[in-house]
mmCIF file of all heavy atoms, coordinates in Angstrom:
data_MODEL
# 
_entry.id   MODEL 
# 
loop_
_atom_site.group_PDB 
_atom_site.id 
_atom_site.type_symbol 
_atom_site.label_atom_id 
_atom_site.label_alt_id 
_atom_site.label_comp_id 
_atom_site.label_asym_id 
_atom_site.label_entity_id 
_atom_site.label_seq_id 
_atom_site.pdbx_PDB_ins_code 
_atom_site.Cartn_x 
_atom_site.Cartn_y 
_atom_site.Cartn_z 
_atom_site.occupancy 
_atom_site.B_iso_or_equiv 
_atom_site.pdbx_formal_charge 
_atom_site.auth_seq_id 
_atom_site.auth_comp_id 
_atom_site.auth_asym_id 
_atom_site.auth_atom_id 
_atom_site.pdbx_PDB_model_num 
ATOM 1   N N   . ASP A 1 1  ? 12.530 -9.648  -51.487 1.00 0.00 ? 1  ASP A N   1 
ATOM 2   C CA  . ASP A 1 1  ? 11.361 -9.441  -52.304 1.00 0.00 ? 1  ASP A CA  1 
ATOM 3   C C   . ASP A 1 1  ? 11.802 -8.760  -53.597 1.00 0.00 ? 1  ASP A C   1 
ATOM 4   O O   . ASP A 1 1  ? 12.242 -7.648  -53.562 1.00 0.00 ? 1  ASP A O   1 
ATOM 5   C CB  . ASP A 1 1  ? 10.322 -8.560  -51.583 1.00 0.00 ? 1  ASP A CB  1 
ATOM 6   C CG  . ASP A 1 1  ? 9.053  -8.285  -52.365 1.00 0.00 ? 1  ASP A CG  1 
ATOM 7   O OD1 . ASP A 1 1  ? 9.148  -7.498  -53.365 1.00 0.00 ? 1  ASP A OD1 1 
ATOM 8   O OD2 . ASP A 1 1  ? 8.037  -8.847  -52.074 1.00 0.00 ? 1  ASP A OD2 1 
ATOM 9   N N   . LYS A 1 2  ? 11.702 -9.468  -54.712 1.00 0.00 ? 2  LYS A N   1 
ATOM 10  C CA  . LYS A 1 2  ? 12.365 -9.031  -55.974 1.00 0.00 ? 2  LYS A CA  1 
ATOM 11  C C   . LYS A 1 2  ? 11.847 -7.684  -56.388 1.00 0.00 ? 2  LYS A C   1 
ATOM 12  O O   . LYS A 1 2  ? 12.644 -6.748  -56.721 1.00 0.00 ? 2  LYS A O   1 
ATOM 13  C CB  . LYS A 1 2  ? 12.127 -10.031 -57.070 1.00 0.00 ? 2  LYS A CB  1 
ATOM 14  C CG  . LYS A 1 2  ? 12.951 -9.746  -58.337 1.00 0.00 ? 2  LYS A CG  1 
ATOM 15  C CD  . LYS A 1 2  ? 12.835 -10.867 -59.345 1.00 0.00 ? 2  LYS A CD  1 
ATOM 16  C CE  . LYS A 1 2  ? 13.647 -10.556 -60.602 1.00 0.00 ? 2  LYS A CE  1 
ATOM 17  N NZ  . LYS A 1 2  ? 13.549 -11.653 -61.554 1.00 0.00 ? 2  LYS A NZ  1 
ATOM 18  N N   . LYS A 1 3  ? 10.551 -7.478  -56.301 1.00 0.00 ? 3  LYS A N   1 
ATOM 19  C CA  . LYS A 1 3  ? 10.025 -6.212  -56.711 1.00 0.00 ? 3  LYS A CA  1 
ATOM 20  C C   . LYS A 1 3  ? 10.392 -5.031  -55.794 1.00 0.00 ? 3  LYS A C   1 
ATOM 21  O O   . LYS A 1 3  ? 10.803 -3.982  -56.290 1.00 0.00 ? 3  LYS A O   1 
ATOM 22  C CB  . LYS A 1 3  ? 8.432  -6.314  -56.741 1.00 0.00 ? 3  LYS A CB  1 
ATOM 23  C CG  . LYS A 1 3  ? 7.817  -5.018  -57.259 1.00 0.00 ? 3  LYS A CG  1 
ATOM 24  C CD  . LYS A 1 3  ? 6.277  -5.228  -57.367 1.00 0.00 ? 3  LYS A CD  1 
ATOM 25  C CE  . LYS A 1 3  ? 5.597  -3.963  -57.861 1.00 0.00 ? 3  LYS A CE  1 
ATOM 26  N NZ  . LYS A 1 3  ? 4.122  -4.111  -57.929 1.00 0.00 ? 3  LYS A NZ  1 
ATOM 27  N N   . LYS A 1 4  ? 10.331 -5.244  -54.482 1.00 0.00 ? 4  LYS A N   1 
ATOM 28  C CA  . LYS A 1 4  ? 10.732 -4.234  -53.537 1.00 0.00 ? 4  LYS A CA  1 
ATOM 29  C C   . LYS A 1 4  ? 12.208 -3.929  -53.689 1.00 0.00 ? 4  LYS A C   1 
ATOM 30  O O   . LYS A 1 4  ? 12.645 -2.772  -53.658 1.00 0.00 ? 4  LYS A O   1 
ATOM 31  C CB  . LYS A 1 4  ? 10.400 -4.700  -52.139 1.00 0.00 ? 4  LYS A CB  1 
ATOM 32  C CG  . LYS A 1 4  ? 10.724 -3.599  -51.101 1.00 0.00 ? 4  LYS A CG  1 
ATOM 33  C CD  . LYS A 1 4  ? 10.259 -3.957  -49.685 1.00 0.00 ? 4  LYS A CD  1 
ATOM 34  C CE  . LYS A 1 4  ? 10.576 -2.837  -48.724 1.00 0.00 ? 4  LYS A CE  1 
ATOM 35  N NZ  . LYS A 1 4  ? 10.099 -3.205  -47.340 1.00 0.00 ? 4  LYS A NZ  1 
ATOM 36  N N   . PHE A 1 5  ? 13.044 -4.975  -53.756 1.00 0.00 ? 5  PHE A N   1 
ATOM 37  C CA  . PHE A 1 5  ? 14.485 -4.769  -53.832 1.00 0.00 ? 5  PHE A CA  1 
ATOM 38  C C   . PHE A 1 5  ? 14.873 -3.977  -55.053 1.00 0.00 ? 5  PHE A C   1 
ATOM 39  O O   . PHE A 1 5  ? 15.844 -3.157  -55.014 1.00 0.00 ? 5  PHE A O   1 
ATOM 40  C CB  . PHE A 1 5  ? 15.179 -6.129  -53.847 1.00 0.00 ? 5  PHE A CB  1 
ATOM 41  C CG  . PHE A 1 5  ? 16.675 -5.976  -53.996 1.00 0.00 ? 5  PHE A CG  1 
ATOM 42  C CD1 . PHE A 1 5  ? 17.446 -5.456  -52.893 1.00 0.00 ? 5  PHE A CD1 1 
ATOM 43  C CD2 . PHE A 1 5  ? 17.362 -6.379  -55.137 1.00 0.00 ? 5  PHE A CD2 1 
ATOM 44  C CE1 . PHE A 1 5  ? 18.818 -5.295  -53.085 1.00 0.00 ? 5  PHE A CE1 1 
ATOM 45  C CE2 . PHE A 1 5  ? 18.684 -6.288  -55.275 1.00 0.00 ? 5  PHE A CE2 1 
ATOM 46  C CZ  . PHE A 1 5  ? 19.459 -5.748  -54.279 1.00 0.00 ? 5  PHE A CZ  1 
ATOM 47  N N   . SER A 1 6  ? 14.208 -4.151  -56.186 1.00 0.00 ? 6  SER A N   1 
ATOM 48  C CA  . SER A 1 6  ? 14.530 -3.427  -57.425 1.00 0.00 ? 6  SER A CA  1 
ATOM 49  C C   . SER A 1 6  ? 14.551 -1.923  -57.230 1.00 0.00 ? 6  SER A C   1 
ATOM 50  O O   . SER A 1 6  ? 15.232 -1.231  -57.914 1.00 0.00 ? 6  SER A O   1 
ATOM 51  C CB  . SER A 1 6  ? 13.595 -3.819  -58.586 1.00 0.00 ? 6  SER A CB  1 
ATOM 52  O OG  . SER A 1 6  ? 12.254 -3.427  -58.291 1.00 0.00 ? 6  SER A OG  1 
ATOM 53  N N   . SER A 1 7  ? 13.672 -1.427  -56.289 1.00 0.00 ? 7  SER A N   1 
ATOM 54  C CA  . SER A 1 7  ? 13.638 0.018   -56.054 1.00 0.00 ? 7  SER A CA  1 
ATOM 55  C C   . SER A 1 7  ? 14.838 0.539   -55.339 1.00 0.00 ? 7  SER A C   1 
ATOM 56  O O   . SER A 1 7  ? 15.087 1.762   -55.236 1.00 0.00 ? 7  SER A O   1 
ATOM 57  C CB  . SER A 1 7  ? 12.357 0.398   -55.341 1.00 0.00 ? 7  SER A CB  1 
ATOM 58  O OG  . SER A 1 7  ? 12.361 -0.142  -53.965 1.00 0.00 ? 7  SER A OG  1 
ATOM 59  N N   . PHE A 1 8  ? 15.658 -0.335  -54.778 1.00 0.00 ? 8  PHE A N   1 
ATOM 60  C CA  . PHE A 1 8  ? 16.860 0.031   -54.093 1.00 0.00 ? 8  PHE A CA  1 
ATOM 61  C C   . PHE A 1 8  ? 18.103 -0.024  -54.916 1.00 0.00 ? 8  PHE A C   1 
ATOM 62  O O   . PHE A 1 8  ? 19.237 0.331   -54.493 1.00 0.00 ? 8  PHE A O   1 
ATOM 63  C CB  . PHE A 1 8  ? 17.081 -0.886  -52.869 1.00 0.00 ? 8  PHE A CB  1 
ATOM 64  C CG  . PHE A 1 8  ? 16.147 -0.651  -51.705 1.00 0.00 ? 8  PHE A CG  1 
ATOM 65  C CD1 . PHE A 1 8  ? 14.822 -1.127  -51.766 1.00 0.00 ? 8  PHE A CD1 1 
ATOM 66  C CD2 . PHE A 1 8  ? 16.556 0.141   -50.640 1.00 0.00 ? 8  PHE A CD2 1 
ATOM 67  C CE1 . PHE A 1 8  ? 13.966 -0.896  -50.714 1.00 0.00 ? 8  PHE A CE1 1 
ATOM 68  C CE2 . PHE A 1 8  ? 15.677 0.423   -49.572 1.00 0.00 ? 8  PHE A CE2 1 
ATOM 69  C CZ  . PHE A 1 8  ? 14.388 -0.076  -49.567 1.00 0.00 ? 8  PHE A CZ  1 
ATOM 70  N N   . VAL A 1 9  ? 18.002 -0.515  -56.110 1.00 0.00 ? 9  VAL A N   1 
ATOM 71  C CA  . VAL A 1 9  ? 19.077 -0.708  -57.086 1.00 0.00 ? 9  VAL A CA  1 
ATOM 72  C C   . VAL A 1 9  ? 19.316 0.572   -57.870 1.00 0.00 ? 9  VAL A C   1 
ATOM 73  O O   . VAL A 1 9  ? 18.376 1.106   -58.429 1.00 0.00 ? 9  VAL A O   1 
ATOM 74  C CB  . VAL A 1 9  ? 18.878 -1.912  -57.992 1.00 0.00 ? 9  VAL A CB  1 
ATOM 75  C CG1 . VAL A 1 9  ? 20.045 -2.035  -58.960 1.00 0.00 ? 9  VAL A CG1 1 
ATOM 76  C CG2 . VAL A 1 9  ? 18.646 -3.130  -57.219 1.00 0.00 ? 9  VAL A CG2 1 
ATOM 77  N N   . THR A 1 10 ? 20.562 1.026   -57.836 1.00 0.00 ? 10 THR A N   1 
ATOM 78  C CA  . THR A 1 10 ? 20.936 2.232   -58.608 1.00 0.00 ? 10 THR A CA  1 
ATOM 79  C C   . THR A 1 10 ? 21.857 1.929   -59.793 1.00 0.00 ? 10 THR A C   1 
ATOM 80  O O   . THR A 1 10 ? 22.760 1.117   -59.611 1.00 0.00 ? 10 THR A O   1 
ATOM 81  C CB  . THR A 1 10 ? 21.625 3.210   -57.696 1.00 0.00 ? 10 THR A CB  1 
ATOM 82  O OG1 . THR A 1 10 ? 20.808 3.534   -56.596 1.00 0.00 ? 10 THR A OG1 1 
ATOM 83  C CG2 . THR A 1 10 ? 22.002 4.525   -58.385 1.00 0.00 ? 10 THR A CG2 1 
ATOM 84  N N   . GLU A 1 11 ? 21.591 2.529   -60.918 1.00 0.00 ? 11 GLU A N   1 
ATOM 85  C CA  . GLU A 1 11 ? 22.491 2.397   -62.045 1.00 0.00 ? 11 GLU A CA  1 
ATOM 86  C C   . GLU A 1 11 ? 23.694 3.253   -61.791 1.00 0.00 ? 11 GLU A C   1 
ATOM 87  O O   . GLU A 1 11 ? 23.611 4.471   -61.367 1.00 0.00 ? 11 GLU A O   1 
ATOM 88  C CB  . GLU A 1 11 ? 21.784 2.864   -63.332 1.00 0.00 ? 11 GLU A CB  1 
ATOM 89  C CG  . GLU A 1 11 ? 20.578 2.050   -63.706 1.00 0.00 ? 11 GLU A CG  1 
ATOM 90  C CD  . GLU A 1 11 ? 20.860 0.692   -64.220 1.00 0.00 ? 11 GLU A CD  1 
ATOM 91  O OE1 . GLU A 1 11 ? 22.054 0.428   -64.628 1.00 0.00 ? 11 GLU A OE1 1 
ATOM 92  O OE2 . GLU A 1 11 ? 19.986 -0.259  -64.146 1.00 0.00 ? 11 GLU A OE2 1 
ATOM 93  N N   . CYS A 1 12 ? 24.868 2.731   -61.999 1.00 0.00 ? 12 CYS A N   1 
ATOM 94  C CA  . CYS A 1 12 ? 26.107 3.402   -61.681 1.00 0.00 ? 12 CYS A CA  1 
ATOM 95  C C   . CYS A 1 12 ? 26.915 3.926   -62.890 1.00 0.00 ? 12 CYS A C   1 
ATOM 96  O O   . CYS A 1 12 ? 27.574 3.138   -63.563 1.00 0.00 ? 12 CYS A O   1 
ATOM 97  C CB  . CYS A 1 12 ? 26.984 2.493   -60.804 1.00 0.00 ? 12 CYS A CB  1 
ATOM 98  S SG  . CYS A 1 12 ? 26.189 1.860   -59.358 1.00 0.00 ? 12 CYS A SG  1 
ATOM 99  N N   . ASP A 1 13 ? 26.832 5.171   -63.184 1.00 0.00 ? 13 ASP A N   1 
ATOM 100 C CA  . ASP A 1 13 ? 27.678 5.760   -64.167 1.00 0.00 ? 13 ASP A CA  1 
ATOM 101 C C   . ASP A 1 13 ? 28.766 6.573   -63.478 1.00 0.00 ? 13 ASP A C   1 
ATOM 102 O O   . ASP A 1 13 ? 28.846 6.571   -62.198 1.00 0.00 ? 13 ASP A O   1 
ATOM 103 C CB  . ASP A 1 13 ? 26.924 6.645   -65.157 1.00 0.00 ? 13 ASP A CB  1 
ATOM 104 C CG  . ASP A 1 13 ? 26.150 7.781   -64.409 1.00 0.00 ? 13 ASP A CG  1 
ATOM 105 O OD1 . ASP A 1 13 ? 26.370 7.950   -63.211 1.00 0.00 ? 13 ASP A OD1 1 
ATOM 106 O OD2 . ASP A 1 13 ? 25.303 8.401   -65.044 1.00 0.00 ? 13 ASP A OD2 1 
ATOM 107 N N   . SER A 1 14 ? 29.651 7.247   -64.110 1.00 0.00 ? 14 SER A N   1 
ATOM 108 C CA  . SER A 1 14 ? 30.726 7.929   -63.489 1.00 0.00 ? 14 SER A CA  1 
ATOM 109 C C   . SER A 1 14 ? 30.234 9.030   -62.544 1.00 0.00 ? 14 SER A C   1 
ATOM 110 O O   . SER A 1 14 ? 30.828 9.297   -61.528 1.00 0.00 ? 14 SER A O   1 
ATOM 111 C CB  . SER A 1 14 ? 31.649 8.591   -64.569 1.00 0.00 ? 14 SER A CB  1 
ATOM 112 O OG  . SER A 1 14 ? 30.932 9.457   -65.380 1.00 0.00 ? 14 SER A OG  1 
ATOM 113 N N   . ASN A 1 15 ? 29.078 9.689   -62.875 1.00 0.00 ? 15 ASN A N   1 
ATOM 114 C CA  . ASN A 1 15 ? 28.501 10.672  -61.957 1.00 0.00 ? 15 ASN A CA  1 
ATOM 115 C C   . ASN A 1 15 ? 28.118 10.120  -60.685 1.00 0.00 ? 15 ASN A C   1 
ATOM 116 O O   . ASN A 1 15 ? 28.163 10.842  -59.610 1.00 0.00 ? 15 ASN A O   1 
ATOM 117 C CB  . ASN A 1 15 ? 27.351 11.364  -62.647 1.00 0.00 ? 15 ASN A CB  1 
ATOM 118 C CG  . ASN A 1 15 ? 27.726 12.259  -63.831 1.00 0.00 ? 15 ASN A CG  1 
ATOM 119 O OD1 . ASN A 1 15 ? 28.867 12.713  -63.933 1.00 0.00 ? 15 ASN A OD1 1 
ATOM 120 N ND2 . ASN A 1 15 ? 26.806 12.475  -64.733 1.00 0.00 ? 15 ASN A ND2 1 
ATOM 121 N N   . PHE A 1 16 ? 27.697 8.835   -60.696 1.00 0.00 ? 16 PHE A N   1 
ATOM 122 C CA  . PHE A 1 16 ? 27.213 8.222   -59.439 1.00 0.00 ? 16 PHE A CA  1 
ATOM 123 C C   . PHE A 1 16 ? 28.350 8.157   -58.476 1.00 0.00 ? 16 PHE A C   1 
ATOM 124 O O   . PHE A 1 16 ? 28.213 8.517   -57.242 1.00 0.00 ? 16 PHE A O   1 
ATOM 125 C CB  . PHE A 1 16 ? 26.697 6.830   -59.705 1.00 0.00 ? 16 PHE A CB  1 
ATOM 126 C CG  . PHE A 1 16 ? 26.468 6.012   -58.462 1.00 0.00 ? 16 PHE A CG  1 
ATOM 127 C CD1 . PHE A 1 16 ? 25.328 6.135   -57.730 1.00 0.00 ? 16 PHE A CD1 1 
ATOM 128 C CD2 . PHE A 1 16 ? 27.494 5.091   -58.071 1.00 0.00 ? 16 PHE A CD2 1 
ATOM 129 C CE1 . PHE A 1 16 ? 25.153 5.385   -56.600 1.00 0.00 ? 16 PHE A CE1 1 
ATOM 130 C CE2 . PHE A 1 16 ? 27.303 4.289   -56.901 1.00 0.00 ? 16 PHE A CE2 1 
ATOM 131 C CZ  . PHE A 1 16 ? 26.112 4.438   -56.185 1.00 0.00 ? 16 PHE A CZ  1 
ATOM 132 N N   . PHE A 1 17 ? 29.526 7.774   -58.876 1.00 0.00 ? 17 PHE A N   1 
ATOM 133 C CA  . PHE A 1 17 ? 30.693 7.663   -57.990 1.00 0.00 ? 17 PHE A CA  1 
ATOM 134 C C   . PHE A 1 17 ? 31.235 9.058   -57.584 1.00 0.00 ? 17 PHE A C   1 
ATOM 135 O O   . PHE A 1 17 ? 31.554 9.273   -56.404 1.00 0.00 ? 17 PHE A O   1 
ATOM 136 C CB  . PHE A 1 17 ? 31.817 6.852   -58.673 1.00 0.00 ? 17 PHE A CB  1 
ATOM 137 C CG  . PHE A 1 17 ? 31.377 5.448   -59.025 1.00 0.00 ? 17 PHE A CG  1 
ATOM 138 C CD1 . PHE A 1 17 ? 31.096 5.108   -60.299 1.00 0.00 ? 17 PHE A CD1 1 
ATOM 139 C CD2 . PHE A 1 17 ? 31.266 4.501   -58.011 1.00 0.00 ? 17 PHE A CD2 1 
ATOM 140 C CE1 . PHE A 1 17 ? 30.685 3.786   -60.625 1.00 0.00 ? 17 PHE A CE1 1 
ATOM 141 C CE2 . PHE A 1 17 ? 30.890 3.198   -58.291 1.00 0.00 ? 17 PHE A CE2 1 
ATOM 142 C CZ  . PHE A 1 17 ? 30.588 2.826   -59.583 1.00 0.00 ? 17 PHE A CZ  1 
ATOM 143 N N   . GLU A 1 18 ? 31.267 9.993   -58.539 1.00 0.00 ? 18 GLU A N   1 
ATOM 144 C CA  . GLU A 1 18 ? 31.729 11.307  -58.143 1.00 0.00 ? 18 GLU A CA  1 
ATOM 145 C C   . GLU A 1 18 ? 30.830 11.982  -57.135 1.00 0.00 ? 18 GLU A C   1 
ATOM 146 O O   . GLU A 1 18 ? 31.219 12.658  -56.157 1.00 0.00 ? 18 GLU A O   1 
ATOM 147 C CB  . GLU A 1 18 ? 31.830 12.177  -59.406 1.00 0.00 ? 18 GLU A CB  1 
ATOM 148 C CG  . GLU A 1 18 ? 32.956 11.838  -60.357 1.00 0.00 ? 18 GLU A CG  1 
ATOM 149 C CD  . GLU A 1 18 ? 34.295 12.339  -59.783 1.00 0.00 ? 18 GLU A CD  1 
ATOM 150 O OE1 . GLU A 1 18 ? 34.315 12.966  -58.805 1.00 0.00 ? 18 GLU A OE1 1 
ATOM 151 O OE2 . GLU A 1 18 ? 35.332 11.829  -60.406 1.00 0.00 ? 18 GLU A OE2 1 
ATOM 152 N N   . ARG A 1 19 ? 29.500 11.788  -57.341 1.00 0.00 ? 19 ARG A N   1 
ATOM 153 C CA  . ARG A 1 19 ? 28.539 12.402  -56.441 1.00 0.00 ? 19 ARG A CA  1 
ATOM 154 C C   . ARG A 1 19 ? 28.687 11.819  -55.061 1.00 0.00 ? 19 ARG A C   1 
ATOM 155 O O   . ARG A 1 19 ? 28.553 12.450  -54.036 1.00 0.00 ? 19 ARG A O   1 
ATOM 156 C CB  . ARG A 1 19 ? 27.111 12.185  -56.947 1.00 0.00 ? 19 ARG A CB  1 
ATOM 157 C CG  . ARG A 1 19 ? 26.067 12.803  -56.090 1.00 0.00 ? 19 ARG A CG  1 
ATOM 158 C CD  . ARG A 1 19 ? 24.633 12.658  -56.631 1.00 0.00 ? 19 ARG A CD  1 
ATOM 159 N NE  . ARG A 1 19 ? 24.437 13.702  -57.671 1.00 0.00 ? 19 ARG A NE  1 
ATOM 160 C CZ  . ARG A 1 19 ? 24.441 13.400  -58.960 1.00 0.00 ? 19 ARG A CZ  1 
ATOM 161 N NH1 . ARG A 1 19 ? 24.638 12.199  -59.413 1.00 0.00 ? 19 ARG A NH1 1 
ATOM 162 N NH2 . ARG A 1 19 ? 24.248 14.372  -59.893 1.00 0.00 ? 19 ARG A NH2 1 
ATOM 163 N N   . LEU A 1 20 ? 28.920 10.504  -54.957 1.00 0.00 ? 20 LEU A N   1 
ATOM 164 C CA  . LEU A 1 20 ? 28.985 9.842   -53.673 1.00 0.00 ? 20 LEU A CA  1 
ATOM 165 C C   . LEU A 1 20 ? 30.124 10.313  -52.824 1.00 0.00 ? 20 LEU A C   1 
ATOM 166 O O   . LEU A 1 20 ? 29.995 10.513  -51.626 1.00 0.00 ? 20 LEU A O   1 
ATOM 167 C CB  . LEU A 1 20 ? 29.109 8.248   -53.891 1.00 0.00 ? 20 LEU A CB  1 
ATOM 168 C CG  . LEU A 1 20 ? 29.085 7.429   -52.640 1.00 0.00 ? 20 LEU A CG  1 
ATOM 169 C CD1 . LEU A 1 20 ? 27.679 7.542   -51.980 1.00 0.00 ? 20 LEU A CD1 1 
ATOM 170 C CD2 . LEU A 1 20 ? 29.332 5.940   -52.930 1.00 0.00 ? 20 LEU A CD2 1 
ATOM 171 N N   . ILE A 1 21 ? 31.267 10.565  -53.437 1.00 0.00 ? 21 ILE A N   1 
ATOM 172 C CA  . ILE A 1 21 ? 32.453 10.986  -52.637 1.00 0.00 ? 21 ILE A CA  1 
ATOM 173 C C   . ILE A 1 21 ? 32.615 12.481  -52.538 1.00 0.00 ? 21 ILE A C   1 
ATOM 174 O O   . ILE A 1 21 ? 33.433 12.966  -51.787 1.00 0.00 ? 21 ILE A O   1 
ATOM 175 C CB  . ILE A 1 21 ? 33.738 10.386  -53.270 1.00 0.00 ? 21 ILE A CB  1 
ATOM 176 C CG1 . ILE A 1 21 ? 34.037 10.947  -54.643 1.00 0.00 ? 21 ILE A CG1 1 
ATOM 177 C CG2 . ILE A 1 21 ? 33.722 8.848   -53.204 1.00 0.00 ? 21 ILE A CG2 1 
ATOM 178 C CD1 . ILE A 1 21 ? 35.406 10.580  -55.134 1.00 0.00 ? 21 ILE A CD1 1 
ATOM 179 N N   . PHE A 1 22 ? 31.751 13.250  -53.266 1.00 0.00 ? 22 PHE A N   1 
ATOM 180 C CA  . PHE A 1 22 ? 31.864 14.702  -53.210 1.00 0.00 ? 22 PHE A CA  1 
ATOM 181 C C   . PHE A 1 22 ? 31.408 15.114  -51.788 1.00 0.00 ? 22 PHE A C   1 
ATOM 182 O O   . PHE A 1 22 ? 30.333 14.710  -51.310 1.00 0.00 ? 22 PHE A O   1 
ATOM 183 C CB  . PHE A 1 22 ? 31.003 15.374  -54.263 1.00 0.00 ? 22 PHE A CB  1 
ATOM 184 C CG  . PHE A 1 22 ? 31.094 16.850  -54.261 1.00 0.00 ? 22 PHE A CG  1 
ATOM 185 C CD1 . PHE A 1 22 ? 32.092 17.483  -55.029 1.00 0.00 ? 22 PHE A CD1 1 
ATOM 186 C CD2 . PHE A 1 22 ? 30.277 17.662  -53.519 1.00 0.00 ? 22 PHE A CD2 1 
ATOM 187 C CE1 . PHE A 1 22 ? 32.213 18.869  -54.942 1.00 0.00 ? 22 PHE A CE1 1 
ATOM 188 C CE2 . PHE A 1 22 ? 30.413 19.053  -53.519 1.00 0.00 ? 22 PHE A CE2 1 
ATOM 189 C CZ  . PHE A 1 22 ? 31.358 19.635  -54.230 1.00 0.00 ? 22 PHE A CZ  1 
ATOM 190 N N   . LYS A 1 23 ? 32.177 15.951  -51.150 1.00 0.00 ? 23 LYS A N   1 
ATOM 191 C CA  . LYS A 1 23 ? 31.870 16.485  -49.848 1.00 0.00 ? 23 LYS A CA  1 
ATOM 192 C C   . LYS A 1 23 ? 31.333 17.896  -49.915 1.00 0.00 ? 23 LYS A C   1 
ATOM 193 O O   . LYS A 1 23 ? 32.177 18.838  -50.266 1.00 0.00 ? 23 LYS A O   1 
ATOM 194 C CB  . LYS A 1 23 ? 33.040 16.426  -48.907 1.00 0.00 ? 23 LYS A CB  1 
ATOM 195 C CG  . LYS A 1 23 ? 33.529 14.974  -48.646 1.00 0.00 ? 23 LYS A CG  1 
ATOM 196 C CD  . LYS A 1 23 ? 34.658 14.971  -47.664 1.00 0.00 ? 23 LYS A CD  1 
ATOM 197 C CE  . LYS A 1 23 ? 35.114 13.574  -47.336 1.00 0.00 ? 23 LYS A CE  1 
ATOM 198 N NZ  . LYS A 1 23 ? 36.300 13.509  -46.425 1.00 0.00 ? 23 LYS A NZ  1 
ATOM 199 N N   . PRO A 1 24 ? 30.048 18.154  -49.673 1.00 0.00 ? 24 PRO A N   1 
ATOM 200 C CA  . PRO A 1 24 ? 29.566 19.513  -49.818 1.00 0.00 ? 24 PRO A CA  1 
ATOM 201 C C   . PRO A 1 24 ? 30.265 20.414  -48.809 1.00 0.00 ? 24 PRO A C   1 
ATOM 202 O O   . PRO A 1 24 ? 30.706 19.962  -47.693 1.00 0.00 ? 24 PRO A O   1 
ATOM 203 C CB  . PRO A 1 24 ? 28.038 19.340  -49.407 1.00 0.00 ? 24 PRO A CB  1 
ATOM 204 C CG  . PRO A 1 24 ? 27.725 17.958  -49.746 1.00 0.00 ? 24 PRO A CG  1 
ATOM 205 C CD  . PRO A 1 24 ? 28.990 17.154  -49.417 1.00 0.00 ? 24 PRO A CD  1 
# 
């Protein structure tokens, strides 16, 4: 469902990748 799927898409900048692998 194109409209619903769009809400699952994330724009990926450098912070996105750093945040993903950062271990609290």
